[in-house]
Amino acid sequence: MALTDFDRALIAATQGGLPLVARPYEAVGAMLGVSGEQVRQRLSSMLESGLIRRIGAVPNHYRLGYTANGMSVWDVEDDQVQALGQRIAKLPGVSHCYRRPRHLPEWPYNLFAMLHGTSRAAVEQQAQELATILGAACRGHDILYSTAILKKTGLRLKN
């Protein structure tokens, strides 16, 4: 898909993130000389066409006081993982949740849920809540704690 000059300007204006203001699309539009509605419409078209996959917030959990961050991994019955994953994804301590293929025999886990807390005990309490929801469909789990902060970036254009 060929990018227009406006597409390139829009991507350049947003690749570092949307402005942290009450009306970010209007702020981007003001930088580009268009309305916030035009920004919204073009981003929506980019999403629909697959040019971009999502627009989302990426909080810095450490700056918010959540210093214990763990990816909980679960071995869940395949015929129940979709429905249970949707329930897990809605929980307040889960920032993202997704299904991944198993790699047997070394890696039996097929459901991942990132948990955030102010301590490992808090994360483990959240994991226990997940275990309760998953019930008998869950055959095992583990928590993989973060040891480094990875820089997350969005769409970038090469010059």
N, C-alpha and C. Protein backbone atom coordinates (compact mmCIF):
# COMPACT_ATOMS: atom_id res chain seq x y z
N MET A 1 0.84 -1.18 0.00
CA MET A 1 0.00 0.00 0.00
C MET A 1 0.89 1.24 0.00
N ALA A 2 0.65 2.12 -0.92
CA ALA A 2 1.43 3.34 -1.02
C ALA A 2 0.94 4.35 0.02
N LEU A 3 1.89 4.99 0.67
CA LEU A 3 1.57 6.01 1.66
C LEU A 3 1.48 7.37 0.97
N THR A 4 0.48 8.14 1.38
CA THR A 4 0.38 9.51 0.88
C THR A 4 1.30 10.40 1.71
N ASP A 5 1.49 11.63 1.24
CA ASP A 5 2.28 12.58 2.02
C ASP A 5 1.63 12.81 3.39
N PHE A 6 0.29 12.84 3.42
CA PHE A 6 -0.40 13.04 4.69
C PHE A 6 -0.16 11.84 5.61
N ASP A 7 -0.19 10.62 5.05
CA ASP A 7 0.07 9.43 5.86
C ASP A 7 1.45 9.51 6.50
N ARG A 8 2.43 9.89 5.71
CA ARG A 8 3.80 9.99 6.22
C ARG A 8 3.89 11.05 7.32
N ALA A 9 3.24 12.18 7.12
CA ALA A 9 3.26 13.24 8.13
C ALA A 9 2.54 12.79 9.40
N LEU A 10 1.45 12.07 9.24
CA LEU A 10 0.69 11.57 10.38
C LEU A 10 1.50 10.55 11.18
N ILE A 11 2.13 9.64 10.48
CA ILE A 11 2.97 8.65 11.16
C ILE A 11 4.13 9.33 11.87
N ALA A 12 4.77 10.28 11.20
CA ALA A 12 5.89 11.00 11.82
C ALA A 12 5.43 11.75 13.07
N ALA A 13 4.24 12.32 13.02
CA ALA A 13 3.72 13.09 14.16
C ALA A 13 3.32 12.21 15.33
N THR A 14 3.01 10.94 15.07
CA THR A 14 2.51 10.07 16.14
C THR A 14 3.47 8.94 16.51
N GLN A 15 4.56 8.77 15.79
CA GLN A 15 5.43 7.62 16.05
C GLN A 15 6.07 7.67 17.43
N GLY A 16 6.18 8.82 18.03
CA GLY A 16 6.70 8.91 19.39
C GLY A 16 5.60 8.81 20.43
N GLY A 17 4.37 8.62 19.99
CA GLY A 17 3.22 8.54 20.88
C GLY A 17 2.30 9.73 20.69
N LEU A 18 1.07 9.56 21.07
CA LEU A 18 0.12 10.66 21.01
C LEU A 18 0.44 11.64 22.13
N PRO A 19 0.17 12.92 21.92
CA PRO A 19 0.40 13.90 22.99
C PRO A 19 -0.44 13.56 24.22
N LEU A 20 0.12 13.77 25.39
CA LEU A 20 -0.59 13.49 26.64
C LEU A 20 -1.41 14.71 27.04
N VAL A 21 -2.49 14.91 26.28
CA VAL A 21 -3.41 16.01 26.49
C VAL A 21 -4.83 15.46 26.43
N ALA A 22 -5.79 16.27 26.84
CA ALA A 22 -7.18 15.81 26.87
C ALA A 22 -7.71 15.45 25.49
N ARG A 23 -7.26 16.12 24.44
CA ARG A 23 -7.75 15.87 23.08
C ARG A 23 -6.55 15.64 22.14
N PRO A 24 -5.95 14.46 22.21
CA PRO A 24 -4.71 14.22 21.45
C PRO A 24 -4.88 14.28 19.93
N TYR A 25 -6.02 13.83 19.40
CA TYR A 25 -6.19 13.87 17.94
C TYR A 25 -6.26 15.31 17.44
N GLU A 26 -6.89 16.17 18.23
CA GLU A 26 -6.95 17.58 17.85
C GLU A 26 -5.55 18.20 17.90
N ALA A 27 -4.75 17.80 18.89
CA ALA A 27 -3.38 18.32 18.99
C ALA A 27 -2.54 17.88 17.79
N VAL A 28 -2.68 16.63 17.39
CA VAL A 28 -1.96 16.14 16.21
C VAL A 28 -2.46 16.88 14.97
N GLY A 29 -3.77 17.03 14.88
CA GLY A 29 -4.34 17.76 13.74
C GLY A 29 -3.81 19.18 13.65
N ALA A 30 -3.69 19.84 14.79
CA ALA A 30 -3.16 21.21 14.80
C ALA A 30 -1.72 21.24 14.28
N MET A 31 -0.93 20.21 14.62
CA MET A 31 0.46 20.15 14.12
C MET A 31 0.49 19.97 12.60
N LEU A 32 -0.53 19.27 12.07
CA LEU A 32 -0.55 18.93 10.65
C LEU A 32 -1.41 19.87 9.82
N GLY A 33 -2.12 20.77 10.48
CA GLY A 33 -2.97 21.71 9.76
C GLY A 33 -4.29 21.11 9.31
N VAL A 34 -4.77 20.09 10.03
CA VAL A 34 -6.07 19.47 9.71
C VAL A 34 -6.87 19.35 11.01
N SER A 35 -8.09 18.90 10.89
CA SER A 35 -8.93 18.75 12.08
C SER A 35 -8.60 17.44 12.81
N GLY A 36 -8.97 17.39 14.07
CA GLY A 36 -8.83 16.16 14.83
C GLY A 36 -9.66 15.04 14.23
N GLU A 37 -10.80 15.41 13.65
CA GLU A 37 -11.66 14.41 13.01
C GLU A 37 -10.96 13.79 11.81
N GLN A 38 -10.22 14.58 11.04
CA GLN A 38 -9.47 14.03 9.90
C GLN A 38 -8.38 13.07 10.39
N VAL A 39 -7.75 13.40 11.49
CA VAL A 39 -6.74 12.51 12.06
C VAL A 39 -7.40 11.20 12.48
N ARG A 40 -8.52 11.29 13.18
CA ARG A 40 -9.23 10.08 13.62
C ARG A 40 -9.65 9.22 12.43
N GLN A 41 -10.22 9.86 11.42
CA GLN A 41 -10.70 9.11 10.25
C GLN A 41 -9.55 8.40 9.53
N ARG A 42 -8.42 9.07 9.37
CA ARG A 42 -7.31 8.43 8.64
C ARG A 42 -6.71 7.31 9.47
N LEU A 43 -6.56 7.51 10.78
CA LEU A 43 -6.05 6.42 11.62
C LEU A 43 -7.01 5.24 11.59
N SER A 44 -8.30 5.52 11.58
CA SER A 44 -9.29 4.44 11.50
C SER A 44 -9.15 3.68 10.18
N SER A 45 -8.96 4.39 9.09
CA SER A 45 -8.76 3.74 7.79
C SER A 45 -7.48 2.90 7.78
N MET A 46 -6.44 3.42 8.41
CA MET A 46 -5.18 2.67 8.48
C MET A 46 -5.37 1.38 9.27
N LEU A 47 -6.18 1.45 10.33
CA LEU A 47 -6.48 0.24 11.11
C LEU A 47 -7.26 -0.77 10.27
N GLU A 48 -8.31 -0.29 9.60
CA GLU A 48 -9.16 -1.17 8.79
C GLU A 48 -8.39 -1.84 7.66
N SER A 49 -7.46 -1.12 7.07
CA SER A 49 -6.70 -1.68 5.94
C SER A 49 -5.56 -2.58 6.39
N GLY A 50 -5.23 -2.55 7.68
CA GLY A 50 -4.13 -3.35 8.19
C GLY A 50 -2.78 -2.65 8.12
N LEU A 51 -2.78 -1.40 7.67
CA LEU A 51 -1.53 -0.64 7.61
C LEU A 51 -0.94 -0.49 9.02
N ILE A 52 -1.82 -0.27 10.00
CA ILE A 52 -1.42 -0.31 11.40
C ILE A 52 -2.31 -1.32 12.10
N ARG A 53 -1.78 -1.94 13.15
CA ARG A 53 -2.52 -3.00 13.83
C ARG A 53 -3.37 -2.50 14.99
N ARG A 54 -2.90 -1.46 15.68
CA ARG A 54 -3.65 -0.99 16.83
C ARG A 54 -3.16 0.38 17.25
N ILE A 55 -3.99 1.04 18.03
CA ILE A 55 -3.62 2.27 18.70
C ILE A 55 -3.85 1.99 20.17
N GLY A 56 -2.82 2.13 20.96
CA GLY A 56 -2.97 1.79 22.37
C GLY A 56 -2.07 2.61 23.25
N ALA A 57 -2.38 2.58 24.51
CA ALA A 57 -1.56 3.24 25.51
C ALA A 57 -0.50 2.26 26.02
N VAL A 58 0.70 2.75 26.23
CA VAL A 58 1.78 1.94 26.78
C VAL A 58 2.28 2.63 28.05
N PRO A 59 1.67 2.28 29.18
CA PRO A 59 2.10 2.94 30.43
C PRO A 59 3.46 2.43 30.89
N ASN A 60 4.18 3.28 31.58
CA ASN A 60 5.43 2.87 32.21
C ASN A 60 5.06 2.42 33.62
N HIS A 61 4.93 1.12 33.81
CA HIS A 61 4.46 0.58 35.08
C HIS A 61 5.38 0.93 36.24
N TYR A 62 6.66 0.98 35.98
CA TYR A 62 7.61 1.31 37.04
C TYR A 62 7.38 2.72 37.56
N ARG A 63 7.15 3.67 36.66
CA ARG A 63 6.89 5.05 37.07
C ARG A 63 5.58 5.17 37.83
N LEU A 64 4.67 4.24 37.61
CA LEU A 64 3.40 4.23 38.32
C LEU A 64 3.48 3.49 39.66
N GLY A 65 4.66 2.96 39.99
CA GLY A 65 4.85 2.27 41.27
C GLY A 65 4.70 0.77 41.21
N TYR A 66 4.45 0.22 40.02
CA TYR A 66 4.31 -1.23 39.87
C TYR A 66 5.67 -1.81 39.51
N THR A 67 6.42 -2.19 40.52
CA THR A 67 7.79 -2.64 40.31
C THR A 67 7.91 -4.16 40.21
N ALA A 68 6.87 -4.88 40.54
CA ALA A 68 6.86 -6.34 40.39
C ALA A 68 5.95 -6.65 39.20
N ASN A 69 6.55 -6.99 38.08
CA ASN A 69 5.81 -7.25 36.86
C ASN A 69 6.15 -8.66 36.40
N GLY A 70 5.12 -9.48 36.27
CA GLY A 70 5.37 -10.86 35.90
C GLY A 70 4.43 -11.36 34.82
N MET A 71 5.01 -12.06 33.86
CA MET A 71 4.19 -12.72 32.85
C MET A 71 3.76 -14.05 33.42
N SER A 72 2.47 -14.17 33.68
CA SER A 72 1.97 -15.46 34.17
C SER A 72 1.66 -16.31 32.95
N VAL A 73 2.10 -17.55 33.00
CA VAL A 73 1.92 -18.48 31.88
C VAL A 73 1.12 -19.68 32.39
N TRP A 74 0.16 -20.12 31.59
CA TRP A 74 -0.82 -21.11 32.02
C TRP A 74 -0.98 -22.22 31.00
N ASP A 75 -1.11 -23.43 31.48
CA ASP A 75 -1.40 -24.60 30.66
C ASP A 75 -2.90 -24.86 30.80
N VAL A 76 -3.66 -24.38 29.81
CA VAL A 76 -5.12 -24.41 29.88
C VAL A 76 -5.66 -25.33 28.79
N GLU A 77 -6.71 -26.07 29.11
CA GLU A 77 -7.37 -26.94 28.13
C GLU A 77 -7.66 -26.14 26.86
N ASP A 78 -7.25 -26.68 25.71
CA ASP A 78 -7.38 -25.96 24.45
C ASP A 78 -8.83 -25.58 24.12
N ASP A 79 -9.77 -26.43 24.47
CA ASP A 79 -11.16 -26.13 24.13
C ASP A 79 -11.77 -25.06 25.03
N GLN A 80 -11.05 -24.62 26.07
CA GLN A 80 -11.57 -23.60 26.98
C GLN A 80 -10.71 -22.34 27.02
N VAL A 81 -9.53 -22.38 26.39
CA VAL A 81 -8.59 -21.27 26.52
C VAL A 81 -9.14 -19.95 25.97
N GLN A 82 -9.89 -19.98 24.90
CA GLN A 82 -10.42 -18.74 24.32
C GLN A 82 -11.38 -18.04 25.28
N ALA A 83 -12.35 -18.75 25.78
CA ALA A 83 -13.34 -18.16 26.68
C ALA A 83 -12.71 -17.72 27.99
N LEU A 84 -11.84 -18.56 28.54
CA LEU A 84 -11.20 -18.21 29.80
C LEU A 84 -10.23 -17.04 29.62
N GLY A 85 -9.52 -17.02 28.52
CA GLY A 85 -8.61 -15.91 28.25
C GLY A 85 -9.34 -14.58 28.15
N GLN A 86 -10.53 -14.60 27.57
CA GLN A 86 -11.33 -13.36 27.49
C GLN A 86 -11.74 -12.88 28.88
N ARG A 87 -12.03 -13.79 29.77
CA ARG A 87 -12.37 -13.41 31.16
C ARG A 87 -11.15 -12.83 31.87
N ILE A 88 -10.02 -13.50 31.70
CA ILE A 88 -8.78 -13.07 32.35
C ILE A 88 -8.37 -11.67 31.85
N ALA A 89 -8.50 -11.43 30.56
CA ALA A 89 -8.07 -10.17 29.96
C ALA A 89 -8.81 -8.97 30.54
N LYS A 90 -9.99 -9.17 31.09
CA LYS A 90 -10.80 -8.07 31.63
C LYS A 90 -10.45 -7.71 33.07
N LEU A 91 -9.58 -8.49 33.70
CA LEU A 91 -9.24 -8.23 35.10
C LEU A 91 -8.39 -6.97 35.23
N PRO A 92 -8.56 -6.21 36.30
CA PRO A 92 -7.86 -4.93 36.43
C PRO A 92 -6.33 -5.02 36.49
N GLY A 93 -5.75 -6.07 37.02
CA GLY A 93 -4.29 -6.17 37.12
C GLY A 93 -3.63 -6.73 35.89
N VAL A 94 -4.40 -7.08 34.86
CA VAL A 94 -3.87 -7.69 33.64
C VAL A 94 -3.75 -6.62 32.56
N SER A 95 -2.52 -6.33 32.13
CA SER A 95 -2.36 -5.31 31.08
C SER A 95 -2.50 -5.91 29.69
N HIS A 96 -2.13 -7.16 29.51
CA HIS A 96 -2.37 -7.84 28.24
C HIS A 96 -2.41 -9.34 28.46
N CYS A 97 -3.20 -9.97 27.62
CA CYS A 97 -3.45 -11.41 27.75
C CYS A 97 -3.60 -11.97 26.35
N TYR A 98 -2.94 -13.08 26.08
CA TYR A 98 -3.03 -13.65 24.75
C TYR A 98 -2.72 -15.14 24.77
N ARG A 99 -3.16 -15.79 23.69
CA ARG A 99 -2.93 -17.22 23.50
C ARG A 99 -1.70 -17.39 22.62
N ARG A 100 -0.87 -18.37 22.97
CA ARG A 100 0.32 -18.70 22.19
C ARG A 100 0.40 -20.21 22.04
N PRO A 101 1.06 -20.68 20.98
CA PRO A 101 1.19 -22.13 20.81
C PRO A 101 2.12 -22.74 21.85
N ARG A 102 1.81 -23.95 22.22
CA ARG A 102 2.69 -24.72 23.11
C ARG A 102 3.91 -25.17 22.31
N HIS A 103 4.99 -25.46 23.01
CA HIS A 103 6.17 -26.06 22.38
C HIS A 103 6.59 -27.23 23.26
N LEU A 104 5.83 -28.32 23.09
CA LEU A 104 6.03 -29.51 23.91
C LEU A 104 7.30 -30.24 23.49
N PRO A 105 7.95 -30.89 24.39
CA PRO A 105 7.58 -31.11 25.79
C PRO A 105 8.10 -30.01 26.72
N GLU A 106 8.96 -29.10 26.22
CA GLU A 106 9.60 -28.12 27.09
C GLU A 106 8.67 -27.03 27.58
N TRP A 107 7.70 -26.63 26.77
CA TRP A 107 6.88 -25.46 27.09
C TRP A 107 5.39 -25.81 26.91
N PRO A 108 4.71 -26.15 28.01
CA PRO A 108 3.31 -26.58 27.90
C PRO A 108 2.30 -25.44 27.94
N TYR A 109 2.74 -24.19 28.09
CA TYR A 109 1.84 -23.07 28.34
C TYR A 109 1.25 -22.50 27.06
N ASN A 110 -0.06 -22.20 27.11
CA ASN A 110 -0.74 -21.67 25.94
C ASN A 110 -1.52 -20.38 26.23
N LEU A 111 -1.56 -19.93 27.48
CA LEU A 111 -2.25 -18.69 27.83
C LEU A 111 -1.28 -17.84 28.65
N PHE A 112 -1.11 -16.59 28.21
CA PHE A 112 -0.18 -15.67 28.86
C PHE A 112 -0.98 -14.47 29.37
N ALA A 113 -0.67 -14.00 30.57
CA ALA A 113 -1.32 -12.81 31.12
C ALA A 113 -0.29 -12.02 31.92
N MET A 114 -0.04 -10.78 31.51
CA MET A 114 0.93 -9.93 32.20
C MET A 114 0.27 -9.32 33.42
N LEU A 115 0.92 -9.52 34.58
CA LEU A 115 0.40 -9.03 35.85
C LEU A 115 1.34 -7.97 36.41
N HIS A 116 0.77 -6.97 37.07
CA HIS A 116 1.56 -5.88 37.62
C HIS A 116 1.16 -5.67 39.08
N GLY A 117 2.17 -5.46 39.93
CA GLY A 117 1.90 -5.22 41.34
C GLY A 117 3.02 -4.42 41.98
N THR A 118 2.78 -3.99 43.20
CA THR A 118 3.80 -3.25 43.92
C THR A 118 4.78 -4.18 44.63
N SER A 119 4.48 -5.48 44.63
CA SER A 119 5.37 -6.48 45.22
C SER A 119 5.11 -7.82 44.54
N ARG A 120 6.06 -8.74 44.69
CA ARG A 120 5.84 -10.08 44.14
C ARG A 120 4.66 -10.76 44.83
N ALA A 121 4.48 -10.48 46.11
CA ALA A 121 3.34 -11.06 46.83
C ALA A 121 2.03 -10.60 46.20
N ALA A 122 1.97 -9.34 45.79
CA ALA A 122 0.75 -8.84 45.15
C ALA A 122 0.51 -9.52 43.80
N VAL A 123 1.58 -9.73 43.04
CA VAL A 123 1.46 -10.42 41.74
C VAL A 123 1.03 -11.87 41.96
N GLU A 124 1.60 -12.52 42.96
CA GLU A 124 1.23 -13.91 43.25
C GLU A 124 -0.22 -14.01 43.71
N GLN A 125 -0.72 -13.00 44.42
CA GLN A 125 -2.13 -12.99 44.81
C GLN A 125 -3.02 -12.88 43.57
N GLN A 126 -2.62 -12.03 42.63
CA GLN A 126 -3.37 -11.91 41.38
C GLN A 126 -3.36 -13.24 40.62
N ALA A 127 -2.20 -13.90 40.59
CA ALA A 127 -2.10 -15.19 39.90
C ALA A 127 -3.02 -16.21 40.55
N GLN A 128 -3.15 -16.16 41.87
CA GLN A 128 -4.07 -17.08 42.55
C GLN A 128 -5.51 -16.81 42.13
N GLU A 129 -5.85 -15.54 41.94
CA GLU A 129 -7.20 -15.20 41.45
C GLU A 129 -7.42 -15.76 40.05
N LEU A 130 -6.40 -15.67 39.20
CA LEU A 130 -6.50 -16.24 37.87
C LEU A 130 -6.68 -17.75 37.95
N ALA A 131 -5.92 -18.40 38.83
CA ALA A 131 -6.02 -19.86 38.98
C ALA A 131 -7.43 -20.25 39.40
N THR A 132 -8.05 -19.45 40.24
CA THR A 132 -9.42 -19.73 40.68
C THR A 132 -10.38 -19.65 39.49
N ILE A 133 -10.21 -18.63 38.65
CA ILE A 133 -11.07 -18.49 37.47
C ILE A 133 -10.85 -19.64 36.50
N LEU A 134 -9.60 -20.02 36.28
CA LEU A 134 -9.29 -21.08 35.33
C LEU A 134 -9.73 -22.45 35.83
N GLY A 135 -9.73 -22.63 37.14
CA GLY A 135 -10.24 -23.85 37.75
C GLY A 135 -9.61 -25.12 37.20
N ALA A 136 -10.44 -26.12 37.00
CA ALA A 136 -9.97 -27.44 36.57
C ALA A 136 -9.43 -27.45 35.14
N ALA A 137 -9.71 -26.38 34.36
CA ALA A 137 -9.19 -26.31 32.99
C ALA A 137 -7.69 -26.03 32.97
N CYS A 138 -7.15 -25.63 34.12
CA CYS A 138 -5.73 -25.29 34.20
C CYS A 138 -4.95 -26.46 34.79
N ARG A 139 -3.90 -26.87 34.06
CA ARG A 139 -3.07 -28.00 34.50
C ARG A 139 -1.75 -27.56 35.12
N GLY A 140 -1.42 -26.28 35.01
CA GLY A 140 -0.17 -25.79 35.58
C GLY A 140 0.07 -24.36 35.19
N HIS A 141 0.97 -23.71 35.93
CA HIS A 141 1.31 -22.33 35.59
C HIS A 141 2.65 -21.94 36.22
N ASP A 142 3.13 -20.79 35.81
CA ASP A 142 4.35 -20.23 36.37
C ASP A 142 4.26 -18.72 36.20
N ILE A 143 5.17 -17.99 36.86
CA ILE A 143 5.26 -16.55 36.70
C ILE A 143 6.70 -16.22 36.34
N LEU A 144 6.87 -15.52 35.25
CA LEU A 144 8.19 -15.10 34.78
C LEU A 144 8.31 -13.60 35.06
N TYR A 145 9.12 -13.25 36.05
CA TYR A 145 9.24 -11.84 36.45
C TYR A 145 10.18 -11.07 35.55
N SER A 146 9.85 -9.82 35.31
CA SER A 146 10.69 -8.94 34.51
C SER A 146 11.98 -8.64 35.25
N THR A 147 13.07 -8.63 34.52
CA THR A 147 14.37 -8.28 35.11
C THR A 147 14.95 -7.04 34.46
N ALA A 148 14.33 -6.55 33.39
CA ALA A 148 14.81 -5.35 32.70
C ALA A 148 13.62 -4.63 32.09
N ILE A 149 13.78 -3.34 31.90
CA ILE A 149 12.76 -2.54 31.23
C ILE A 149 13.11 -2.50 29.76
N LEU A 150 12.19 -2.95 28.93
CA LEU A 150 12.42 -2.94 27.48
C LEU A 150 11.72 -1.73 26.88
N LYS A 151 12.39 -1.05 25.99
CA LYS A 151 11.82 0.11 25.35
C LYS A 151 10.80 -0.35 24.33
N LYS A 152 9.59 0.18 24.43
CA LYS A 152 8.53 -0.15 23.49
C LYS A 152 8.38 1.00 22.51
N THR A 153 8.30 0.68 21.24
CA THR A 153 8.16 1.71 20.23
C THR A 153 7.01 1.36 19.30
N GLY A 154 6.52 2.36 18.65
CA GLY A 154 5.45 2.16 17.69
C GLY A 154 5.98 2.15 16.26
N LEU A 155 5.10 2.42 15.34
CA LEU A 155 5.42 2.43 13.92
C LEU A 155 6.49 3.48 13.64
N ARG A 156 7.48 3.11 12.87
CA ARG A 156 8.56 4.02 12.47
C ARG A 156 8.71 3.98 10.96
N LEU A 157 8.98 5.13 10.38
CA LEU A 157 9.26 5.23 8.95
C LEU A 157 10.76 5.36 8.75
N LYS A 158 11.30 4.66 7.76
CA LYS A 158 12.70 4.82 7.40
C LYS A 158 12.80 5.98 6.42
N ASN A 159 13.85 6.72 6.54
CA ASN A 159 14.03 7.86 5.62
C ASN A 159 14.51 7.41 4.28
